[in-house]
C-alpha atoms as a PDB file:
ATOM      1  CA  MET A   1      51.276-137.334   9.703  1.00  0.00           C
ATOM      2  CA  VAL A   2      50.513-140.700  11.319  1.00  0.00           C
ATOM      3  CA  ALA A   3      54.315-141.098  12.268  1.00  0.00           C
ATOM      4  CA  LEU A   4      53.987-137.211  13.940  1.00  0.00           C
ATOM      5  CA  ALA A   5      50.643-138.314  15.919  1.00  0.00           C
ATOM      6  CA  GLY A   6      52.239-141.601  17.055  1.00  0.00           C
ATOM      7  CA  ALA A   7      51.616-144.866  17.262  1.00  0.00           C
ATOM      8  CA  GLY A   8      48.260-145.446  19.005  1.00  0.00           C
ATOM      9  CA  GLN A   9      46.949-141.824  18.550  1.00  0.00           C
ATOM     10  CA  ALA A  10      46.213-141.775  15.266  1.00  0.00           C
ATOM     11  CA  ASP A  11      42.656-142.136  13.379  1.00  0.00           C
ATOM     12  CA  HIS A  12      41.599-141.048  10.316  1.00  0.00           C
ATOM     13  CA  GLU A  13      38.913-138.027  11.682  1.00  0.00           C
ATOM     14  CA  VAL A  14      42.087-136.329  13.349  1.00  0.00           C
ATOM     15  CA  ILE A  15      44.673-136.969  10.169  1.00  0.00           C
ATOM     16  CA  SER A  16      41.658-135.339   8.184  1.00  0.00           C
ATOM     17  CA  ALA A  17      40.858-132.298  10.494  1.00  0.00           C
ATOM     18  CA  GLU A  18      44.781-131.765  10.824  1.00  0.00           C
ATOM     19  CA  ILE A  19      45.363-131.749   6.669  1.00  0.00           C
ATOM     20  CA  GLN A  20      41.985-129.888   6.611  1.00  0.00           C
ATOM     21  CA  THR A  21      43.677-127.145   8.407  1.00  0.00           C
ATOM     22  CA  ILE A  22      46.885-126.987   6.815  1.00  0.00           C
ATOM     23  CA  SER A  23      45.115-127.015   3.194  1.00  0.00           C
ATOM     24  CA  ARG A  24      43.035-123.877   4.555  1.00  0.00           C
ATOM     25  CA  ALA A  25      46.125-122.069   5.787  1.00  0.00           C
ATOM     26  CA  LEU A  26      47.954-123.271   2.158  1.00  0.00           C
ATOM     27  CA  GLN A  27      44.856-121.720   0.484  1.00  0.00           C
ATOM     28  CA  GLU A  28      44.605-118.365   2.185  1.00  0.00           C
ATOM     29  CA  ALA A  29      48.426-117.788   1.970  1.00  0.00           C
ATOM     30  CA  GLY A  30      48.146-117.679  -1.852  1.00  0.00           C
ATOM     31  CA  SER A  31      51.050-118.659  -4.508  1.00  0.00           C
ATOM     32  CA  SER A  32      52.222-115.220  -4.786  1.00  0.00           C
ATOM     33  CA  GLU A  33      55.119-114.297  -2.907  1.00  0.00           C
ATOM     34  CA  ARG A  34      54.519-111.553  -0.757  1.00  0.00           C
ATOM     35  CA  GLY A  35      56.974-109.323   1.245  1.00  0.00           C
ATOM     36  CA  PHE A  36      57.271-106.448   3.474  1.00  0.00           C
ATOM     37  CA  VAL A  37      54.722-104.349   1.728  1.00  0.00           C
ATOM     38  CA  ASP A  38      51.857-106.721   2.109  1.00  0.00           C
ATOM     39  CA  LEU A  39      52.286-105.956   6.148  1.00  0.00           C
ATOM     40  CA  PHE A  40      50.311-103.047   5.415  1.00  0.00           C
ATOM     41  CA  LYS A  41      47.432-104.239   3.424  1.00  0.00           C
ATOM     42  CA  ASP A  42      43.729-104.736   4.749  1.00  0.00           C
ATOM     43  CA  ASN A  43      43.462-108.700   4.616  1.00  0.00           C
ATOM     44  CA  ARG A  44      41.586-111.165   6.657  1.00  0.00           C
ATOM     45  CA  GLN A  45      45.029-112.246   8.106  1.00  0.00           C
ATOM     46  CA  ARG A  46      45.561-108.933  10.097  1.00  0.00           C
ATOM     47  CA  LEU A  47      49.169-108.666   9.228  1.00  0.00           C
ATOM     48  CA  PHE A  48      49.365-104.903  10.247  1.00  0.00           C
ATOM     49  CA  TYR A  49      47.946-106.063  13.836  1.00  0.00           C
ATOM     50  CA  ARG A  50      50.643-108.664  13.823  1.00  0.00           C
ATOM     51  CA  PHE A  51      53.038-105.960  12.547  1.00  0.00           C
ATOM     52  CA  CYS A  52      52.062-103.891  15.138  1.00  0.00           C
ATOM     53  CA  LEU A  53      52.537-106.342  17.859  1.00  0.00           C
ATOM     54  CA  ALA A  54      56.067-107.522  16.601  1.00  0.00           C
ATOM     55  CA  ILE A  55      56.961-103.458  17.091  1.00  0.00           C
ATOM     56  CA  GLY A  56      55.305-102.869  20.182  1.00  0.00           C
ATOM     57  CA  VAL A  57      56.976-105.732  22.307  1.00  0.00           C
ATOM     58  CA  ASN A  58      60.309-104.863  21.534  1.00  0.00           C
ATOM     59  CA  PHE A  59      59.590-101.273  21.924  1.00  0.00           C
ATOM     60  CA  GLY A  60      58.766-102.692  25.358  1.00  0.00           C
ATOM     61  CA  ALA A  61      62.147-104.267  25.713  1.00  0.00           C
ATOM     62  CA  GLN A  62      64.176-101.480  25.132  1.00  0.00           C
ATOM     63  CA  MET A  63      61.959 -98.301  26.375  1.00  0.00           C
ATOM     64  CA  THR A  64      61.881 -99.731  30.164  1.00  0.00           C
ATOM     65  CA  GLY A  65      65.147 -98.802  30.476  1.00  0.00           C
ATOM     66  CA  ALA A  66      67.275-101.973  30.879  1.00  0.00           C
ATOM     67  CA  ASN A  67      70.194-100.726  28.615  1.00  0.00           C
ATOM     68  CA  ALA A  68      70.577 -97.487  30.256  1.00  0.00           C
ATOM     69  CA  ILE A  69      71.189 -99.967  33.140  1.00  0.00           C
ATOM     70  CA  SER A  70      73.520-102.263  31.424  1.00  0.00           C
ATOM     71  CA  TYR A  71      75.340 -99.192  29.231  1.00  0.00           C
ATOM     72  CA  TYR A  72      75.457 -96.472  31.964  1.00  0.00           C
ATOM     73  CA  GLY A  73      75.430 -98.685  35.330  1.00  0.00           C
ATOM     74  CA  THR A  74      78.851 -97.619  36.234  1.00  0.00           C
ATOM     75  CA  THR A  75      77.691 -93.865  35.793  1.00  0.00           C
ATOM     76  CA  ILE A  76      74.800 -94.397  37.809  1.00  0.00           C
ATOM     77  CA  PHE A  77      76.847 -95.911  41.153  1.00  0.00           C
ATOM     78  CA  ARG A  78      79.469 -93.083  40.700  1.00  0.00           C
ATOM     79  CA  SER A  79      77.171 -89.878  39.952  1.00  0.00           C
ATOM     80  CA  SER A  80      73.568 -90.907  40.888  1.00  0.00           C
ATOM     81  CA  LEU A  81      74.995 -92.619  44.016  1.00  0.00           C
ATOM     82  CA  GLY A  82      78.215 -90.984  44.632  1.00  0.00           C
ATOM     83  CA  LEU A  83      79.910 -94.141  45.453  1.00  0.00           C
ATOM     84  CA  PRO A  84      83.558 -94.288  44.726  1.00  0.00           C
ATOM     85  CA  ALA A  85      84.828 -95.482  40.977  1.00  0.00           C
ATOM     86  CA  GLN A  86      86.228 -99.022  41.803  1.00  0.00           C
ATOM     87  CA  LYS A  87      83.445 -99.642  43.728  1.00  0.00           C
ATOM     88  CA  ALA A  88      80.738 -98.881  40.909  1.00  0.00           C
ATOM     89  CA  SER A  89      82.772-100.887  38.515  1.00  0.00           C
ATOM     90  CA  LEU A  90      82.466-104.155  40.583  1.00  0.00           C
ATOM     91  CA  LEU A  91      78.639-103.059  41.233  1.00  0.00           C
ATOM     92  CA  ASN A  92      78.046-102.541  37.829  1.00  0.00           C
ATOM     93  CA  ALA A  93      79.610-106.161  36.970  1.00  0.00           C
ATOM     94  CA  GLY A  94      77.562-107.530  39.770  1.00  0.00           C
ATOM     95  CA  VAL A  95      74.498-106.135  38.210  1.00  0.00           C
ATOM     96  CA  LEU A  96      75.170-107.592  34.615  1.00  0.00           C
ATOM     97  CA  THR A  97      76.151-110.711  35.986  1.00  0.00           C
ATOM     98  CA  TRP A  98      72.815-111.050  37.898  1.00  0.00           C
ATOM     99  CA  LYS A  99      71.435-110.030  34.386  1.00  0.00           C
ATOM    100  CA  ILE A 100      72.563-113.448  33.131  1.00  0.00           C
ATOM    101  CA  VAL A 101      71.893-115.653  35.788  1.00  0.00           C
ATOM    102  CA  ALA A 102      68.500-114.285  36.129  1.00  0.00           C
ATOM    103  CA  ALA A 103      67.647-115.148  32.358  1.00  0.00           C
ATOM    104  CA  ILE A 104      67.395-118.898  33.098  1.00  0.00           C
ATOM    105  CA  SER A 105      63.778-117.718  35.129  1.00  0.00           C
ATOM    106  CA  ALA A 106      62.692-116.999  31.358  1.00  0.00           C
ATOM    107  CA  TYR A 107      63.881-120.440  30.127  1.00  0.00           C
ATOM    108  CA  VAL A 108      62.365-122.317  32.835  1.00  0.00           C
ATOM    109  CA  THR A 109      58.820-120.431  32.685  1.00  0.00           C
ATOM    110  CA  VAL A 110      58.168-119.312  29.088  1.00  0.00           C
ATOM    111  CA  ASP A 111      56.741-122.605  27.829  1.00  0.00           C
ATOM    112  CA  ARG A 112      55.446-123.520  31.078  1.00  0.00           C
ATOM    113  CA  PHE A 113      53.084-120.136  32.098  1.00  0.00           C
ATOM    114  CA  GLY A 114      53.310-118.476  28.690  1.00  0.00           C
ATOM    115  CA  ARG A 115      54.681-115.441  26.780  1.00  0.00           C
ATOM    116  CA  LYS A 116      51.918-113.015  27.682  1.00  0.00           C
ATOM    117  CA  PRO A 117      52.235-113.348  31.814  1.00  0.00           C
ATOM    118  CA  LEU A 118      55.923-113.084  31.635  1.00  0.00           C
ATOM    119  CA  PHE A 119      55.522-109.817  29.614  1.00  0.00           C
ATOM    120  CA  ILE A 120      53.023-108.221  32.173  1.00  0.00           C
ATOM    121  CA  ILE A 121      54.559-109.843  35.068  1.00  0.00           C
ATOM    122  CA  ALA A 122      58.334-108.287  33.943  1.00  0.00           C
ATOM    123  CA  SER A 123      56.935-104.937  33.160  1.00  0.00           C
ATOM    124  CA  MET A 124      55.320-104.322  36.187  1.00  0.00           C
ATOM    125  CA  GLY A 125      58.157-105.281  37.974  1.00  0.00           C
ATOM    126  CA  MET A 126      60.296-103.225  36.099  1.00  0.00           C
ATOM    127  CA  SER A 127      57.846-100.124  36.918  1.00  0.00           C
ATOM    128  CA  VAL A 128      57.900-100.659  40.293  1.00  0.00           C
ATOM    129  CA  SER A 129      62.084-100.807  40.467  1.00  0.00           C
ATOM    130  CA  MET A 130      62.332 -98.113  38.329  1.00  0.00           C
ATOM    131  CA  ALA A 131      59.971 -95.762  40.583  1.00  0.00           C
ATOM    132  CA  SER A 132      61.379 -96.652  43.442  1.00  0.00           C
ATOM    133  CA  LEU A 133      64.877 -96.160  42.087  1.00  0.00           C
ATOM    134  CA  ALA A 134      63.589 -92.659  41.346  1.00  0.00           C
ATOM    135  CA  VAL A 135      62.946 -92.153  44.916  1.00  0.00           C
ATOM    136  CA  SER A 136      66.379 -93.699  46.219  1.00  0.00           C
ATOM    137  CA  VAL A 137      68.275 -91.726  43.874  1.00  0.00           C
ATOM    138  CA  TRP A 138      66.307 -88.781  44.966  1.00  0.00           C
ATOM    139  CA  VAL A 139      67.031 -88.997  48.611  1.00  0.00           C
ATOM    140  CA  VAL A 140      70.918 -89.912  48.187  1.00  0.00           C
ATOM    141  CA  GLN A 141      71.036 -86.716  45.651  1.00  0.00           C
ATOM    142  CA  ASN A 142      69.585 -83.963  47.978  1.00  0.00           C
ATOM    143  CA  HIS A 143      69.895 -85.954  51.656  1.00  0.00           C
ATOM    144  CA  TYR A 144      72.722 -88.403  51.440  1.00  0.00           C
ATOM    145  CA  THR A 145      72.359 -90.953  53.535  1.00  0.00           C
ATOM    146  CA  TYR A 146      74.001 -94.660  53.234  1.00  0.00           C
ATOM    147  CA  ALA A 147      70.521 -96.661  53.504  1.00  0.00           C
ATOM    148  CA  ALA A 148      69.268 -94.760  50.527  1.00  0.00           C
ATOM    149  CA  SER A 149      72.493 -95.792  48.566  1.00  0.00           C
ATOM    150  CA  VAL A 150      72.035 -99.270  49.492  1.00  0.00           C
ATOM    151  CA  ALA A 151      68.194 -98.999  48.504  1.00  0.00           C
ATOM    152  CA  ALA A 152      69.339 -97.623  45.214  1.00  0.00           C
ATOM    153  CA  THR A 153      71.232-100.615  44.434  1.00  0.00           C
ATOM    154  CA  PHE A 154      69.013-103.199  45.712  1.00  0.00           C
ATOM    155  CA  PHE A 155      66.478-101.789  42.959  1.00  0.00           C
ATOM    156  CA  LEU A 156      68.928-101.835  40.282  1.00  0.00           C
ATOM    157  CA  PHE A 157      69.564-105.367  41.070  1.00  0.00           C
ATOM    158  CA  PHE A 158      65.680-105.949  41.352  1.00  0.00           C
ATOM    159  CA  TYR A 159      65.253-104.666  37.999  1.00  0.00           C
ATOM    160  CA  MET A 160      67.454-106.798  36.482  1.00  0.00           C
ATOM    161  CA  THR A 161      65.495-109.975  37.920  1.00  0.00           C
ATOM    162  CA  PHE A 162      62.442-108.988  35.854  1.00  0.00           C
ATOM    163  CA  PHE A 163      63.844-107.708  32.823  1.00  0.00           C
ATOM    164  CA  PRO A 164      65.408-110.996  31.692  1.00  0.00           C
ATOM    165  CA  LEU A 165      62.436-112.858  32.718  1.00  0.00           C
ATOM    166  CA  GLY A 166      60.175-111.402  29.823  1.00  0.00           C
ATOM    167  CA  PHE A 167      62.299-109.386  27.428  1.00  0.00           C
ATOM    168  CA  LEU A 168      65.514-110.995  26.901  1.00  0.00           C
ATOM    169  CA  GLY A 169      64.693-113.351  24.486  1.00  0.00           C
ATOM    170  CA  ALA A 170      60.691-113.987  24.476  1.00  0.00           C
ATOM    171  CA  ASN A 171      60.212-110.398  22.617  1.00  0.00           C
ATOM    172  CA  PHE A 172      61.936-111.913  19.632  1.00  0.00           C
ATOM    173  CA  LEU A 173      60.188-115.263  20.200  1.00  0.00           C
ATOM    174  CA  TYR A 174      56.885-113.236  19.708  1.00  0.00           C
ATOM    175  CA  SER A 175      57.935-111.545  17.002  1.00  0.00           C
ATOM    176  CA  THR A 176      58.510-114.928  15.058  1.00  0.00           C
ATOM    177  CA  GLU A 177      55.758-116.583  16.458  1.00  0.00           C
ATOM    178  CA  ILE A 178      52.762-114.435  15.283  1.00  0.00           C
ATOM    179  CA  ALA A 179      53.899-114.164  11.394  1.00  0.00           C
ATOM    180  CA  PRO A 180      52.332-116.525   9.071  1.00  0.00           C
ATOM    181  CA  GLN A 181      54.914-119.064   7.893  1.00  0.00           C
ATOM    182  CA  ASP A 182      55.943-116.854   4.136  1.00  0.00           C
ATOM    183  CA  LEU A 183      56.206-113.817   6.512  1.00  0.00           C
ATOM    184  CA  ARG A 184      57.873-115.001   9.527  1.00  0.00           C
ATOM    185  CA  MET A 185      61.325-114.017   8.586  1.00  0.00           C
ATOM    186  CA  HIS A 186      60.053-110.431   7.717  1.00  0.00           C
ATOM    187  CA  LEU A 187      58.184-110.084  11.201  1.00  0.00           C
ATOM    188  CA  SER A 188      61.671-111.231  12.767  1.00  0.00           C
ATOM    189  CA  ALA A 189      63.404-108.474  11.063  1.00  0.00           C
ATOM    190  CA  ILE A 190      60.920-105.880  11.645  1.00  0.00           C
ATOM    191  CA  GLY A 191      60.568-107.042  15.314  1.00  0.00           C
ATOM    192  CA  THR A 192      64.814-107.092  15.452  1.00  0.00           C
ATOM    193  CA  ALA A 193      65.342-103.877  13.929  1.00  0.00           C
ATOM    194  CA  THR A 194      63.036-102.329  16.008  1.00  0.00           C
ATOM    195  CA  HIS A 195      64.668-103.415  19.085  1.00  0.00           C
ATOM    196  CA  TRP A 196      68.075-101.977  18.498  1.00  0.00           C
ATOM    197  CA  LEU A 197      66.537 -98.642  16.605  1.00  0.00           C
ATOM    198  CA  PHE A 198      65.285 -98.214  20.085  1.00  0.00           C
ATOM    199  CA  ASN A 199      68.708 -99.475  21.668  1.00  0.00           C
ATOM    200  CA  PHE A 200      70.188 -96.699  19.490  1.00  0.00           C
ATOM    201  CA  VAL A 201      67.827 -93.954  21.161  1.00  0.00           C
ATOM    202  CA  ILE A 202      68.698 -95.336  24.337  1.00  0.00           C
ATOM    203  CA  ALA A 203      72.436 -94.961  24.147  1.00  0.00           C
ATOM    204  CA  GLU A 204      72.248 -91.382  22.790  1.00  0.00           C
ATOM    205  CA  ILE A 205      69.459 -89.856  25.117  1.00  0.00           C
ATOM    206  CA  THR A 206      70.895 -91.394  28.867  1.00  0.00           C
ATOM    207  CA  PRO A 207      74.323 -89.121  29.213  1.00  0.00           C
ATOM    208  CA  ILE A 208      71.720 -86.136  28.544  1.00  0.00           C
ATOM    209  CA  ALA A 209      69.038 -87.160  30.814  1.00  0.00           C
ATOM    210  CA  PHE A 210      71.171 -87.865  33.620  1.00  0.00           C
ATOM    211  CA  VAL A 211      72.295 -84.457  33.630  1.00  0.00           C
ATOM    212  CA  THR A 212      69.005 -82.529  33.023  1.00  0.00           C
ATOM    213  CA  ILE A 213      66.430 -84.050  34.630  1.00  0.00           C
ATOM    214  CA  LYS A 214      68.273 -86.530  36.833  1.00  0.00           C
ATOM    215  CA  TYR A 215      66.144 -88.834  39.172  1.00  0.00           C
ATOM    216  CA  ARG A 216      63.294 -88.000  36.535  1.00  0.00           C
ATOM    217  CA  TYR A 217      65.062 -90.081  34.170  1.00  0.00           C
ATOM    218  CA  TYR A 218      64.019 -93.383  36.182  1.00  0.00           C
ATOM    219  CA  ILE A 219      60.171 -92.036  36.492  1.00  0.00           C
ATOM    220  CA  VAL A 220      59.660 -91.904  32.294  1.00  0.00           C
ATOM    221  CA  TYR A 221      60.543 -95.494  32.257  1.00  0.00           C
ATOM    222  CA  ALA A 222      58.664 -96.157  35.289  1.00  0.00           C
ATOM    223  CA  VAL A 223      55.672 -95.077  33.437  1.00  0.00           C
ATOM    224  CA  ILE A 224      56.156 -96.244  30.054  1.00  0.00           C
ATOM    225  CA  ALA A 225      56.995 -99.792  31.703  1.00  0.00           C
ATOM    226  CA  ALA A 226      53.501 -99.606  33.716  1.00  0.00           C
ATOM    227  CA  SER A 227      51.609 -98.760  30.025  1.00  0.00           C
ATOM    228  CA  VAL A 228      53.678-101.388  28.394  1.00  0.00           C
ATOM    229  CA  ALA A 229      51.843-103.818  30.816  1.00  0.00           C
ATOM    230  CA  ILE A 230      48.558-102.348  30.439  1.00  0.00           C
ATOM    231  CA  LEU A 231      48.915-102.727  26.704  1.00  0.00           C
ATOM    232  CA  ILE A 232      50.200-105.958  26.286  1.00  0.00           C
ATOM    233  CA  PHE A 233      47.204-106.995  28.607  1.00  0.00           C
ATOM    234  CA  PHE A 234      44.561-105.794  26.358  1.00  0.00           C
ATOM    235  CA  PHE A 235      45.979-106.225  22.854  1.00  0.00           C
ATOM    236  CA  PHE A 236      48.736-109.187  22.524  1.00  0.00           C
ATOM    237  CA  PRO A 237      47.267-112.713  22.638  1.00  0.00           C
ATOM    238  CA  GLU A 238      49.052-115.825  24.157  1.00  0.00           C
ATOM    239  CA  THR A 239      50.577-117.693  21.729  1.00  0.00           C
ATOM    240  CA  ARG A 240      51.836-120.741  23.836  1.00  0.00           C
ATOM    241  CA  GLY A 241      50.931-124.335  22.580  1.00  0.00           C
ATOM    242  CA  LEU A 242      49.585-122.840  19.061  1.00  0.00           C
ATOM    243  CA  SER A 243      50.500-124.316  15.903  1.00  0.00           C
ATOM    244  CA  LEU A 244      51.096-122.319  12.655  1.00  0.00           C
ATOM    245  CA  GLU A 245      48.083-123.284  11.205  1.00  0.00           C
ATOM    246  CA  GLU A 246      46.128-122.559  14.674  1.00  0.00           C
ATOM    247  CA  MET A 247      48.097-119.004  14.970  1.00  0.00           C
ATOM    248  CA  ASN A 248      46.608-117.986  11.840  1.00  0.00           C
ATOM    249  CA  ASN A 249      43.196-118.916  12.430  1.00  0.00           C
ATOM    250  CA  LEU A 250      43.623-116.895  15.932  1.00  0.00           C
ATOM    251  CA  PHE A 251      43.843-113.300  14.018  1.00  0.00           C
ATOM    252  CA  GLN A 252      41.586-114.378  11.192  1.00  0.00           C
ATOM    253  CA  ASP A 253      38.273-115.943  13.131  1.00  0.00           C
ATOM    254  CA  PRO A 254      37.432-112.945  15.464  1.00  0.00           C
ATOM    255  CA  LYS A 255      35.523-110.482  13.305  1.00  0.00           C
ATOM    256  CA  HIS A 256      37.376-107.581  14.557  1.00  0.00           C
ATOM    257  CA  TRP A 257      41.210-107.227  15.524  1.00  0.00           C
ATOM    258  CA  TRP A 258      40.471-105.843  18.921  1.00  0.00           C
ATOM    259  CA  GLN A 259      38.732-108.867  19.712  1.00  0.00           C
ATOM    260  CA  VAL A 260      41.480-111.351  19.018  1.00  0.00           C
ATOM    261  CA  THR A 261      43.007-111.196  22.879  1.00  0.00           C
ATOM    262  CA  ASN A 262      39.540-112.176  24.424  1.00  0.00           C
ATOM    263  CA  TYR A 263      39.107-115.209  21.428  1.00  0.00           C
ATOM    264  CA  SER A 264      42.451-116.680  22.466  1.00  0.00           C
ATOM    265  CA  ASN A 265      41.377-116.130  26.388  1.00  0.00           C
ATOM    266  CA  ALA A 266      38.345-118.079  25.452  1.00  0.00           C
ATOM    267  CA  LEU A 267      40.035-120.750  23.535  1.00  0.00           C
ATOM    268  CA  ARG A 268      42.478-121.192  26.690  1.00  0.00           C
ATOM    269  CA  LYS A 269      39.616-120.763  29.249  1.00  0.00           C
ATOM    270  CA  CYS A 270      37.723-123.928  27.442  1.00  0.00           C
ATOM    271  CA  GLY A 271      41.025-125.965  27.359  1.00  0.00           C
ATOM    272  CA  VAL A 272      40.619-125.763  23.637  1.00  0.00           C
ATOM    273  CA  LEU A 273      43.913-126.138  23.131  1.00  0.00           C
ATOM    274  CA  GLU A 274      44.389-129.450  25.471  1.00  0.00           C
ATOM    275  CA  LEU A 275      41.982-131.652  22.656  1.00  0.00           C
ATOM    276  CA  GLU A 276      42.543-133.506  19.584  1.00  0.00           C
ATOM    277  CA  THR A 277      42.578-131.851  16.452  1.00  0.00           C
ATOM    278  CA  SER A 278      39.154-132.619  15.157  1.00  0.00           C
ATOM    279  CA  GLU A 279      37.928-131.787  18.926  1.00  0.00           C
ATOM    280  CA  LYS A 280      39.505-128.404  18.743  1.00  0.00           C
ATOM    281  CA  MET A 281      37.603-127.237  15.426  1.00  0.00           C
ATOM    282  CA  GLU A 282      34.476-128.321  17.066  1.00  0.00           C
ATOM    283  CA  ALA A 283      34.982-126.197  20.140  1.00  0.00           C
ATOM    284  CA  VAL A 284      36.417-123.693  18.391  1.00  0.00           C
ATOM    285  CA  ARG A 285      33.008-123.430  15.995  1.00  0.00           C
ATOM    286  CA  HIS A 286      30.992-123.129  19.349  1.00  0.00           C
ATOM    287  CA  ILE A 287      33.033-120.227  20.143  1.00  0.00           C
ATOM    288  CA  GLU A 288      32.349-118.625  17.187  1.00  0.00           C
ATOM    289  CA  GLU A 289      28.876-118.915  17.197  1.00  0.00           C
ATOM    290  CA  ALA A 290      29.065-117.629  20.747  1.00  0.00           C
ATOM    291  CA  ASP A 291      30.649-114.840  19.845  1.00  0.00           C
ATOM    292  CA  ASN A 292      28.360-113.813  16.886  1.00  0.00           C
END
């Protein structure tokens, strides 16, 4: 423990507080092995709430339309925008290449600004992109103009600027971070399963939607993406900078599950996360007393 704290930075009070936090987490975890069933039990750790967060963030990663573009980009360029086959293939390759390049933004920002801001910015950016794409495709299909085709192409690239920022990797990270240590693999598995389940849904419904509702299909994703941003703002706590023990406290300390997000905001507003362990625990007590 002293070695982890660093030479000259460790004292008995800090070490004792850290040991107390770890001991509390171990006592609450219990000695019996837990599994998927425990995620649905009513307890102080609010495991079902965490279960819903893992599903929600991966639902947002898929049902905002990313793989509709990734899988059927060539179809969009050819059928929706009326471009020649060769040009459609080249532009689709460009969109997917740009998706990889844009992923660097998440690598640079995820630990600097946190997971929640990236989720919200990405969701709102994707919503605006899909809404604008719907308008552009409508113009192309009803009053074909070259400018509308260029605009639609721009918004496809614009969409792929925002998607990697929040939902190309941070969604898997978030599902793992919010889990207790003994259920980390379980929540990670649930998040991953949700991700690929809705990936299958997108792959199956997209060809039908292109034929039946046409440009309105993009409006569906615009609405879902905006809704995801709202849900994340109100119900998803920020996890950046929290240790495993502090993560448990974040979900357990508030009286009700819907207070977890506000509790997380209060901790960060007071600068608790930047304090030493002993100071952090004292600040948390003040926040709890004020909340009561």
